[in-house]
C-alpha atoms as a PDB file:
ATOM      1  CA  MET A   1    -254.280 128.889  80.411  1.00  0.00           C
ATOM      2  CA  TYR A   2    -252.670 129.283  76.739  1.00  0.00           C
ATOM      3  CA  THR A   3    -252.987 126.648  73.696  1.00  0.00           C
ATOM      4  CA  ILE A   4    -249.990 125.612  72.035  1.00  0.00           C
ATOM      5  CA  LYS A   5    -250.693 127.749  69.013  1.00  0.00           C
ATOM      6  CA  GLN A   6    -251.228 130.740  71.738  1.00  0.00           C
ATOM      7  CA  VAL A   7    -247.636 130.322  73.142  1.00  0.00           C
ATOM      8  CA  SER A   8    -246.090 129.402  69.698  1.00  0.00           C
ATOM      9  CA  GLY A   9    -247.181 133.246  68.905  1.00  0.00           C
ATOM     10  CA  LEU A  10    -246.263 134.919  72.698  1.00  0.00           C
ATOM     11  CA  THR A  11    -242.641 133.146  72.520  1.00  0.00           C
ATOM     12  CA  GLY A  12    -241.651 133.124  68.610  1.00  0.00           C
ATOM     13  CA  VAL A  13    -240.882 129.706  69.167  1.00  0.00           C
ATOM     14  CA  SER A  14    -243.001 126.742  66.535  1.00  0.00           C
ATOM     15  CA  GLU A  15    -245.199 124.434  67.852  1.00  0.00           C
ATOM     16  CA  ALA A  16    -242.844 121.834  67.028  1.00  0.00           C
ATOM     17  CA  VAL A  17    -239.868 123.250  68.673  1.00  0.00           C
ATOM     18  CA  LEU A  18    -242.017 123.841  71.585  1.00  0.00           C
ATOM     19  CA  ARG A  19    -242.985 120.194  71.855  1.00  0.00           C
ATOM     20  CA  ALA A  20    -239.365 119.007  71.261  1.00  0.00           C
ATOM     21  CA  TRP A  21    -238.273 121.070  74.195  1.00  0.00           C
ATOM     22  CA  GLU A  22    -241.115 119.591  76.642  1.00  0.00           C
ATOM     23  CA  SER A  23    -240.114 115.827  75.347  1.00  0.00           C
ATOM     24  CA  ARG A  24    -236.540 115.967  75.493  1.00  0.00           C
ATOM     25  CA  TYR A  25    -235.791 118.707  78.191  1.00  0.00           C
ATOM     26  CA  GLY A  26    -239.094 118.431  80.308  1.00  0.00           C
ATOM     27  CA  ILE A  27    -238.841 122.299  80.465  1.00  0.00           C
ATOM     28  CA  VAL A  28    -242.697 122.601  81.255  1.00  0.00           C
ATOM     29  CA  GLU A  29    -245.104 119.855  81.885  1.00  0.00           C
ATOM     30  CA  PRO A  30    -248.604 121.753  80.514  1.00  0.00           C
ATOM     31  CA  SER A  31    -251.775 120.301  81.819  1.00  0.00           C
ATOM     32  CA  ARG A  32    -254.416 118.532  79.411  1.00  0.00           C
ATOM     33  CA  SER A  33    -257.690 119.840  78.463  1.00  0.00           C
ATOM     34  CA  GLU A  34    -260.715 117.530  78.596  1.00  0.00           C
ATOM     35  CA  GLY A  35    -259.810 116.742  74.891  1.00  0.00           C
ATOM     36  CA  ARG A  36    -256.242 116.083  75.747  1.00  0.00           C
ATOM     37  CA  TYR A  37    -255.124 119.362  73.771  1.00  0.00           C
ATOM     38  CA  ARG A  38    -251.974 120.940  75.908  1.00  0.00           C
ATOM     39  CA  LEU A  39    -252.609 124.152  78.131  1.00  0.00           C
ATOM     40  CA  TYR A  40    -249.897 126.292  79.985  1.00  0.00           C
ATOM     41  CA  SER A  41    -250.035 128.638  82.687  1.00  0.00           C
ATOM     42  CA  ASP A  42    -248.656 131.943  82.665  1.00  0.00           C
ATOM     43  CA  GLU A  43    -245.616 130.658  84.799  1.00  0.00           C
ATOM     44  CA  GLN A  44    -244.933 128.360  81.945  1.00  0.00           C
ATOM     45  CA  VAL A  45    -244.893 130.512  79.440  1.00  0.00           C
ATOM     46  CA  ALA A  46    -242.271 132.874  81.326  1.00  0.00           C
ATOM     47  CA  VAL A  47    -239.912 129.915  81.455  1.00  0.00           C
ATOM     48  CA  LEU A  48    -240.609 129.183  77.591  1.00  0.00           C
ATOM     49  CA  ARG A  49    -239.945 132.646  76.988  1.00  0.00           C
ATOM     50  CA  GLU A  50    -236.511 132.611  79.311  1.00  0.00           C
ATOM     51  CA  MET A  51    -235.708 129.393  77.255  1.00  0.00           C
ATOM     52  CA  ALA A  52    -236.334 131.236  73.787  1.00  0.00           C
ATOM     53  CA  ALA A  53    -234.205 134.128  75.250  1.00  0.00           C
ATOM     54  CA  LEU A  54    -231.239 131.610  75.741  1.00  0.00           C
ATOM     55  CA  VAL A  55    -231.594 129.954  72.806  1.00  0.00           C
ATOM     56  CA  GLY A  56    -231.805 132.938  70.493  1.00  0.00           C
ATOM     57  CA  ALA A  57    -228.928 134.108  72.794  1.00  0.00           C
ATOM     58  CA  GLY A  58    -226.493 131.210  71.421  1.00  0.00           C
ATOM     59  CA  VAL A  59    -226.804 129.010  74.525  1.00  0.00           C
ATOM     60  CA  PRO A  60    -227.332 125.539  73.332  1.00  0.00           C
ATOM     61  CA  ALA A  61    -230.808 124.257  73.948  1.00  0.00           C
ATOM     62  CA  SER A  62    -229.943 121.550  76.150  1.00  0.00           C
ATOM     63  CA  ARG A  63    -227.951 123.867  78.460  1.00  0.00           C
ATOM     64  CA  ALA A  64    -230.366 126.290  78.480  1.00  0.00           C
ATOM     65  CA  ALA A  65    -233.058 123.893  79.488  1.00  0.00           C
ATOM     66  CA  ALA A  66    -230.552 122.642  82.349  1.00  0.00           C
ATOM     67  CA  THR A  67    -230.060 126.175  83.592  1.00  0.00           C
ATOM     68  CA  LEU A  68    -233.646 126.801  84.041  1.00  0.00           C
ATOM     69  CA  LEU A  69    -234.703 123.929  85.345  1.00  0.00           C
ATOM     70  CA  ALA A  70    -232.093 123.869  88.141  1.00  0.00           C
ATOM     71  CA  GLU A  71    -233.325 127.532  89.061  1.00  0.00           C
ATOM     72  CA  VAL A  72    -236.931 125.802  89.474  1.00  0.00           C
ATOM     73  CA  ARG A  73    -235.579 122.738  91.738  1.00  0.00           C
ATOM     74  CA  ASP A  74    -233.249 125.246  93.830  1.00  0.00           C
ATOM     75  CA  PRO A  75    -233.498 128.747  93.106  1.00  0.00           C
ATOM     76  CA  GLY A  76    -230.960 130.052  95.393  1.00  0.00           C
ATOM     77  CA  ALA A  77    -228.419 127.667  94.125  1.00  0.00           C
ATOM     78  CA  ALA A  78    -224.800 129.351  93.282  1.00  0.00           C
ATOM     79  CA  VAL A  79    -223.257 129.695  90.153  1.00  0.00           C
ATOM     80  CA  SER A  80    -219.919 128.656  89.649  1.00  0.00           C
ATOM     81  CA  ALA A  81    -217.151 130.631  90.595  1.00  0.00           C
ATOM     82  CA  PHE A  82    -216.037 133.111  88.111  1.00  0.00           C
ATOM     83  CA  PRO A  83    -212.704 134.410  87.382  1.00  0.00           C
ATOM     84  CA  GLY A  84    -211.118 136.603  89.814  1.00  0.00           C
ATOM     85  CA  TRP A  85    -210.998 140.180  89.395  1.00  0.00           C
ATOM     86  CA  ARG A  86    -207.086 141.009  90.109  1.00  0.00           C
ATOM     87  CA  GLY A  87    -206.799 140.817  86.436  1.00  0.00           C
ATOM     88  CA  MET A  88    -209.242 143.282  85.832  1.00  0.00           C
ATOM     89  CA  VAL A  89    -208.084 146.004  88.741  1.00  0.00           C
ATOM     90  CA  GLU A  90    -204.572 145.170  87.585  1.00  0.00           C
ATOM     91  CA  ALA A  91    -205.442 146.440  83.943  1.00  0.00           C
ATOM     92  CA  ALA A  92    -207.361 149.466  85.217  1.00  0.00           C
ATOM     93  CA  ALA A  93    -204.322 150.815  87.208  1.00  0.00           C
ATOM     94  CA  ARG A  94    -202.136 150.579  83.911  1.00  0.00           C
ATOM     95  CA  LEU A  95    -205.211 151.838  81.964  1.00  0.00           C
ATOM     96  CA  ASP A  96    -204.632 148.925  79.668  1.00  0.00           C
ATOM     97  CA  VAL A  97    -207.497 148.509  77.708  1.00  0.00           C
ATOM     98  CA  VAL A  98    -206.816 145.333  75.518  1.00  0.00           C
ATOM     99  CA  ALA A  99    -205.626 143.524  79.269  1.00  0.00           C
ATOM    100  CA  LEU A 100    -208.873 145.410  80.645  1.00  0.00           C
ATOM    101  CA  ASP A 101    -211.210 144.026  77.675  1.00  0.00           C
ATOM    102  CA  ALA A 102    -209.648 140.237  77.907  1.00  0.00           C
ATOM    103  CA  ALA A 103    -210.114 140.029  81.605  1.00  0.00           C
ATOM    104  CA  ILE A 104    -213.502 140.490  81.045  1.00  0.00           C
ATOM    105  CA  ALA A 105    -214.371 138.753  78.427  1.00  0.00           C
ATOM    106  CA  ALA A 106    -213.121 135.869  79.724  1.00  0.00           C
ATOM    107  CA  ALA A 107    -215.582 135.942  82.899  1.00  0.00           C
ATOM    108  CA  ALA A 108    -218.969 137.008  80.911  1.00  0.00           C
ATOM    109  CA  PRO A 109    -219.276 133.545  78.898  1.00  0.00           C
ATOM    110  CA  VAL A 110    -218.356 131.334  81.942  1.00  0.00           C
ATOM    111  CA  GLU A 111    -222.218 130.890  82.997  1.00  0.00           C
ATOM    112  CA  GLY A 112    -223.831 133.220  80.410  1.00  0.00           C
ATOM    113  CA  PHE A 113    -224.765 137.226  80.713  1.00  0.00           C
ATOM    114  CA  GLU A 114    -227.452 136.416  83.602  1.00  0.00           C
ATOM    115  CA  ALA A 115    -224.842 134.728  86.155  1.00  0.00           C
ATOM    116  CA  PHE A 116    -222.561 137.426  85.190  1.00  0.00           C
ATOM    117  CA  ALA A 117    -224.705 140.183  86.191  1.00  0.00           C
ATOM    118  CA  ASP A 118    -225.966 138.693  89.354  1.00  0.00           C
ATOM    119  CA  VAL A 119    -222.431 137.525  90.622  1.00  0.00           C
ATOM    120  CA  TRP A 120    -219.620 138.733  88.737  1.00  0.00           C
ATOM    121  CA  LEU A 121    -220.941 142.514  88.373  1.00  0.00           C
ATOM    122  CA  PRO A 122    -221.542 142.840  91.872  1.00  0.00           C
ATOM    123  CA  ASP A 123    -218.876 141.072  93.132  1.00  0.00           C
ATOM    124  CA  GLY A 124    -216.124 143.269  90.704  1.00  0.00           C
ATOM    125  CA  LEU A 125    -218.093 146.501  91.383  1.00  0.00           C
ATOM    126  CA  ARG A 126    -217.203 146.313  95.261  1.00  0.00           C
ATOM    127  CA  GLU A 127    -213.775 145.308  94.386  1.00  0.00           C
ATOM    128  CA  LEU A 128    -213.176 148.444  92.070  1.00  0.00           C
ATOM    129  CA  GLY A 129    -214.783 150.600  94.947  1.00  0.00           C
ATOM    130  CA  GLU A 130    -212.260 148.949  97.747  1.00  0.00           C
ATOM    131  CA  ALA A 131    -209.427 149.593  95.255  1.00  0.00           C
ATOM    132  CA  TRP A 132    -210.426 152.960  95.074  1.00  0.00           C
ATOM    133  CA  ALA A 133    -211.243 153.710  98.650  1.00  0.00           C
ATOM    134  CA  SER A 134    -207.681 152.557  99.381  1.00  0.00           C
ATOM    135  CA  GLY A 135    -205.605 154.444  96.749  1.00  0.00           C
ATOM    136  CA  GLU A 136    -205.133 151.599  94.352  1.00  0.00           C
ATOM    137  CA  LEU A 137    -206.885 153.225  91.868  1.00  0.00           C
ATOM    138  CA  GLY A 138    -207.631 156.778  90.973  1.00  0.00           C
ATOM    139  CA  VAL A 139    -210.620 158.498  89.593  1.00  0.00           C
ATOM    140  CA  ALA A 140    -209.298 158.107  86.483  1.00  0.00           C
ATOM    141  CA  ALA A 141    -208.409 154.391  86.160  1.00  0.00           C
ATOM    142  CA  GLU A 142    -212.223 153.613  88.123  1.00  0.00           C
ATOM    143  CA  HIS A 143    -213.959 155.327  85.512  1.00  0.00           C
ATOM    144  CA  PHE A 144    -211.714 153.609  82.776  1.00  0.00           C
ATOM    145  CA  ALA A 145    -212.921 150.116  84.586  1.00  0.00           C
ATOM    146  CA  SER A 146    -216.499 151.140  84.436  1.00  0.00           C
ATOM    147  CA  ALA A 147    -216.709 152.299  81.009  1.00  0.00           C
ATOM    148  CA  ALA A 148    -215.092 148.542  80.378  1.00  0.00           C
ATOM    149  CA  LEU A 149    -218.160 147.333  82.097  1.00  0.00           C
ATOM    150  CA  MET A 150    -220.645 149.358  80.470  1.00  0.00           C
ATOM    151  CA  ARG A 151    -219.682 148.441  76.694  1.00  0.00           C
ATOM    152  CA  THR A 152    -219.856 144.915  77.637  1.00  0.00           C
ATOM    153  CA  ILE A 153    -223.513 145.223  79.284  1.00  0.00           C
ATOM    154  CA  ALA A 154    -224.383 147.595  76.126  1.00  0.00           C
ATOM    155  CA  GLY A 155    -223.187 144.311  73.692  1.00  0.00           C
ATOM    156  CA  ALA A 156    -225.424 142.122  75.817  1.00  0.00           C
ATOM    157  CA  PHE A 157    -228.295 144.519  75.276  1.00  0.00           C
ATOM    158  CA  GLU A 158    -228.050 145.070  71.509  1.00  0.00           C
ATOM    159  CA  ALA A 159    -227.430 141.253  70.899  1.00  0.00           C
ATOM    160  CA  ALA A 160    -230.804 140.726  72.614  1.00  0.00           C
ATOM    161  CA  GLY A 161    -232.967 141.447  69.127  1.00  0.00           C
ATOM    162  CA  PRO A 162    -235.941 143.015  68.757  1.00  0.00           C
ATOM    163  CA  PRO A 163    -239.073 143.009  71.110  1.00  0.00           C
ATOM    164  CA  THR A 164    -241.412 140.241  71.322  1.00  0.00           C
ATOM    165  CA  THR A 165    -243.341 141.328  74.072  1.00  0.00           C
ATOM    166  CA  PRO A 166    -245.699 144.312  73.431  1.00  0.00           C
ATOM    167  CA  GLY A 167    -245.625 147.820  75.199  1.00  0.00           C
ATOM    168  CA  LYS A 168    -242.519 149.961  76.373  1.00  0.00           C
ATOM    169  CA  VAL A 169    -240.820 149.568  79.641  1.00  0.00           C
ATOM    170  CA  LEU A 170    -238.888 152.381  80.732  1.00  0.00           C
ATOM    171  CA  VAL A 171    -235.944 151.837  82.686  1.00  0.00           C
ATOM    172  CA  GLY A 172    -233.142 154.845  84.517  1.00  0.00           C
ATOM    173  CA  LEU A 173    -232.431 156.647  87.298  1.00  0.00           C
ATOM    174  CA  PRO A 174    -233.765 159.904  88.685  1.00  0.00           C
ATOM    175  CA  HIS A 175    -232.250 163.075  88.651  1.00  0.00           C
ATOM    176  CA  GLY A 176    -228.884 163.107  90.768  1.00  0.00           C
ATOM    177  CA  ALA A 177    -228.409 159.277  90.416  1.00  0.00           C
ATOM    178  CA  ARG A 178    -225.389 158.387  88.688  1.00  0.00           C
ATOM    179  CA  HIS A 179    -224.484 154.628  89.702  1.00  0.00           C
ATOM    180  CA  GLU A 180    -225.801 152.862  86.753  1.00  0.00           C
ATOM    181  CA  LEU A 181    -223.928 149.678  86.181  1.00  0.00           C
ATOM    182  CA  MET A 182    -226.310 147.182  87.823  1.00  0.00           C
ATOM    183  CA  LEU A 183    -229.474 148.861  86.443  1.00  0.00           C
ATOM    184  CA  PHE A 184    -228.291 148.884  83.080  1.00  0.00           C
ATOM    185  CA  ALA A 185    -227.235 145.173  83.561  1.00  0.00           C
ATOM    186  CA  PHE A 186    -231.004 144.830  84.795  1.00  0.00           C
ATOM    187  CA  ALA A 187    -231.961 146.196  81.259  1.00  0.00           C
ATOM    188  CA  ALA A 188    -230.106 143.812  79.539  1.00  0.00           C
ATOM    189  CA  CYS A 189    -231.394 140.854  81.364  1.00  0.00           C
ATOM    190  CA  LEU A 190    -235.278 142.337  80.892  1.00  0.00           C
ATOM    191  CA  ARG A 191    -234.704 142.737  76.629  1.00  0.00           C
ATOM    192  CA  ARG A 192    -232.772 139.401  76.589  1.00  0.00           C
ATOM    193  CA  LEU A 193    -236.293 137.946  77.489  1.00  0.00           C
ATOM    194  CA  GLY A 194    -237.996 140.148  74.840  1.00  0.00           C
ATOM    195  CA  ALA A 195    -239.543 143.202  76.547  1.00  0.00           C
ATOM    196  CA  ASP A 196    -239.308 146.094  74.349  1.00  0.00           C
ATOM    197  CA  VAL A 197    -236.788 148.145  77.012  1.00  0.00           C
ATOM    198  CA  VAL A 198    -236.034 151.706  76.665  1.00  0.00           C
ATOM    199  CA  TYR A 199    -233.333 152.808  78.538  1.00  0.00           C
ATOM    200  CA  LEU A 200    -232.802 156.191  79.662  1.00  0.00           C
ATOM    201  CA  GLY A 201    -229.989 155.922  81.418  1.00  0.00           C
ATOM    202  CA  ALA A 202    -228.624 157.969  84.532  1.00  0.00           C
ATOM    203  CA  ASP A 203    -229.428 161.578  86.270  1.00  0.00           C
ATOM    204  CA  VAL A 204    -233.288 161.602  84.602  1.00  0.00           C
ATOM    205  CA  PRO A 205    -235.259 164.553  85.679  1.00  0.00           C
ATOM    206  CA  ALA A 206    -238.981 163.497  86.998  1.00  0.00           C
ATOM    207  CA  ALA A 207    -240.640 165.513  84.208  1.00  0.00           C
ATOM    208  CA  GLU A 208    -238.259 163.741  81.605  1.00  0.00           C
ATOM    209  CA  TRP A 209    -239.871 160.477  82.907  1.00  0.00           C
ATOM    210  CA  GLU A 210    -243.365 161.500  82.626  1.00  0.00           C
ATOM    211  CA  ARG A 211    -242.892 163.221  79.345  1.00  0.00           C
ATOM    212  CA  ALA A 212    -241.295 159.967  77.845  1.00  0.00           C
ATOM    213  CA  ALA A 213    -243.965 157.874  79.520  1.00  0.00           C
ATOM    214  CA  ARG A 214    -246.849 160.155  78.303  1.00  0.00           C
ATOM    215  CA  GLU A 215    -245.700 159.972  74.643  1.00  0.00           C
ATOM    216  CA  HIS A 216    -244.736 156.919  73.827  1.00  0.00           C
ATOM    217  CA  ARG A 217    -247.478 155.363  76.146  1.00  0.00           C
ATOM    218  CA  ALA A 218    -245.126 153.526  78.308  1.00  0.00           C
ATOM    219  CA  ARG A 219    -246.713 150.546  80.040  1.00  0.00           C
ATOM    220  CA  ALA A 220    -244.145 150.163  82.849  1.00  0.00           C
ATOM    221  CA  ALA A 221    -241.080 152.285  84.039  1.00  0.00           C
ATOM    222  CA  VAL A 222    -238.330 150.700  86.683  1.00  0.00           C
ATOM    223  CA  VAL A 223    -236.453 153.408  88.687  1.00  0.00           C
ATOM    224  CA  GLY A 224    -233.325 152.710  90.442  1.00  0.00           C
ATOM    225  CA  VAL A 225    -232.726 153.852  93.701  1.00  0.00           C
ATOM    226  CA  THR A 226    -228.981 153.120  95.127  1.00  0.00           C
ATOM    227  CA  SER A 227    -227.509 152.998  98.439  1.00  0.00           C
ATOM    228  CA  VAL A 228    -225.755 156.609  97.963  1.00  0.00           C
ATOM    229  CA  GLN A 229    -229.314 158.795  97.635  1.00  0.00           C
ATOM    230  CA  LYS A 230    -232.386 159.625  99.444  1.00  0.00           C
ATOM    231  CA  PRO A 231    -236.088 158.178  97.777  1.00  0.00           C
ATOM    232  CA  SER A 232    -236.716 161.884  98.041  1.00  0.00           C
ATOM    233  CA  ASP A 233    -234.047 162.821  96.228  1.00  0.00           C
ATOM    234  CA  GLY A 234    -235.694 162.114  92.806  1.00  0.00           C
ATOM    235  CA  ALA A 235    -237.341 158.607  92.644  1.00  0.00           C
ATOM    236  CA  GLN A 236    -240.180 159.695  94.693  1.00  0.00           C
ATOM    237  CA  GLU A 237    -240.841 162.302  92.414  1.00  0.00           C
ATOM    238  CA  VAL A 238    -240.703 160.355  89.346  1.00  0.00           C
ATOM    239  CA  VAL A 239    -243.447 158.001  91.158  1.00  0.00           C
ATOM    240  CA  SER A 240    -245.344 160.466  92.001  1.00  0.00           C
ATOM    241  CA  ARG A 241    -245.735 161.919  88.241  1.00  0.00           C
ATOM    242  CA  LEU A 242    -246.064 158.594  86.835  1.00  0.00           C
ATOM    243  CA  ALA A 243    -248.848 157.934  89.318  1.00  0.00           C
ATOM    244  CA  GLY A 244    -251.166 160.313  87.336  1.00  0.00           C
ATOM    245  CA  ILE A 245    -250.574 159.481  83.669  1.00  0.00           C
ATOM    246  CA  ALA A 246    -253.520 157.878  81.961  1.00  0.00           C
ATOM    247  CA  PRO A 247    -253.775 154.946  80.636  1.00  0.00           C
ATOM    248  CA  PRO A 248    -251.748 153.840  84.210  1.00  0.00           C
ATOM    249  CA  VAL A 249    -247.880 153.258  84.079  1.00  0.00           C
ATOM    250  CA  SER A 250    -246.907 150.125  86.256  1.00  0.00           C
ATOM    251  CA  VAL A 251    -243.837 151.510  88.594  1.00  0.00           C
ATOM    252  CA  TRP A 252    -241.029 149.260  89.794  1.00  0.00           C
ATOM    253  CA  ALA A 253    -238.127 150.179  91.944  1.00  0.00           C
ATOM    254  CA  GLY A 254    -234.984 148.069  92.340  1.00  0.00           C
ATOM    255  CA  GLY A 255    -231.778 148.855  94.217  1.00  0.00           C
ATOM    256  CA  SER A 256    -230.918 148.773  97.818  1.00  0.00           C
ATOM    257  CA  ARG A 257    -233.156 151.167  98.824  1.00  0.00           C
ATOM    258  CA  ARG A 258    -235.972 150.471  96.576  1.00  0.00           C
ATOM    259  CA  ALA A 259    -238.533 149.378  99.686  1.00  0.00           C
ATOM    260  CA  GLU A 260    -238.733 153.215 100.983  1.00  0.00           C
ATOM    261  CA  VAL A 261    -240.149 154.257  97.988  1.00  0.00           C
ATOM    262  CA  GLU A 262    -244.020 154.666  98.004  1.00  0.00           C
ATOM    263  CA  GLY A 263    -246.358 153.672  95.546  1.00  0.00           C
ATOM    264  CA  ALA A 264    -243.637 151.209  93.551  1.00  0.00           C
ATOM    265  CA  GLU A 265    -243.388 147.513  93.473  1.00  0.00           C
ATOM    266  CA  SER A 266    -240.356 146.473  94.588  1.00  0.00           C
ATOM    267  CA  LEU A 267    -237.956 144.012  92.481  1.00  0.00           C
ATOM    268  CA  PRO A 268    -235.688 141.567  93.677  1.00  0.00           C
ATOM    269  CA  ASP A 269    -231.911 142.585  94.109  1.00  0.00           C
ATOM    270  CA  ALA A 270    -230.042 140.163  91.313  1.00  0.00           C
ATOM    271  CA  PRO A 271    -231.042 141.713  88.076  1.00  0.00           C
ATOM    272  CA  SER A 272    -231.996 138.593  86.271  1.00  0.00           C
ATOM    273  CA  GLU A 273    -234.186 137.600  88.734  1.00  0.00           C
ATOM    274  CA  ALA A 274    -235.277 140.956  88.884  1.00  0.00           C
ATOM    275  CA  ALA A 275    -235.866 140.778  85.176  1.00  0.00           C
ATOM    276  CA  LYS A 276    -238.063 137.785  85.254  1.00  0.00           C
ATOM    277  CA  VAL A 277    -240.507 138.863  88.169  1.00  0.00           C
ATOM    278  CA  LEU A 278    -241.480 141.961  85.809  1.00  0.00           C
ATOM    279  CA  HIS A 279    -241.178 140.143  82.700  1.00  0.00           C
ATOM    280  CA  ARG A 280    -243.633 137.689  83.991  1.00  0.00           C
ATOM    281  CA  ALA A 281    -245.889 140.206  85.203  1.00  0.00           C
ATOM    282  CA  LEU A 282    -245.918 141.720  81.274  1.00  0.00           C
ATOM    283  CA  VAL A 283    -246.594 138.071  80.049  1.00  0.00           C
ATOM    284  CA  ALA A 284    -249.236 137.625  82.416  1.00  0.00           C
ATOM    285  CA  GLY A 285    -250.992 140.897  81.380  1.00  0.00           C
ATOM    286  CA  ARG A 286    -250.445 142.169  85.548  1.00  0.00           C
ATOM    287  CA  THR A 287    -248.846 145.398  84.584  1.00  0.00           C
END
């Protein structure tokens, strides 16, 4: 359990603001010590970190609190519908950068970046894939659209500000894997919660994972495992190499084939939910 002074240090939020969030929005309900001092659990600290990240990103406190309280009441609740993807596909087919960026920008602010990453991005990638498979989009147009999405995610990543949770977290894809948009979205969500994320990108050899972890004393590593690759093609080697590092590195796997990787903890499908799971483990000292 944590005192309000400790929580203030962990979240970067003043004690006065923490008390205001509690009284105005009921964002958490801390227990009380025998002396009537507030005591916060690991889970409550994680919620307050998420609240701080949302407010720091420009979301009004009332809306941030409503979003987090809705997740507590109904974690499976669907977010409101985003604008359709047809405008993006049509702009990509024309190689129209202005229209493409406008179509993506129109969607990203609707529910905030986290919901964009969880709902709009995977649906859009499926539609892009179908447009490519049907011949509506060529390879150049599909890559053009993907690059625009990378810019959007990179913007959220860079806007997150400096990390507040100690310990570097390596995030990337193993050698031979190149489909990185969903993993990059996860990295942005995690960084927005205050984690010290080091995004390695795609196609990273296992030896380089090990080198980065050793030289920079990584606290955790997240390896993406996509549907088009076998774990033995790279992810398993990464996990095996990281397992021998001292001090130990907490290894996690995300992606549709994550359960096939031995020696790594599995993360949820949705980028923002996966980020919360890992961030809570970091805050609680379980990694």
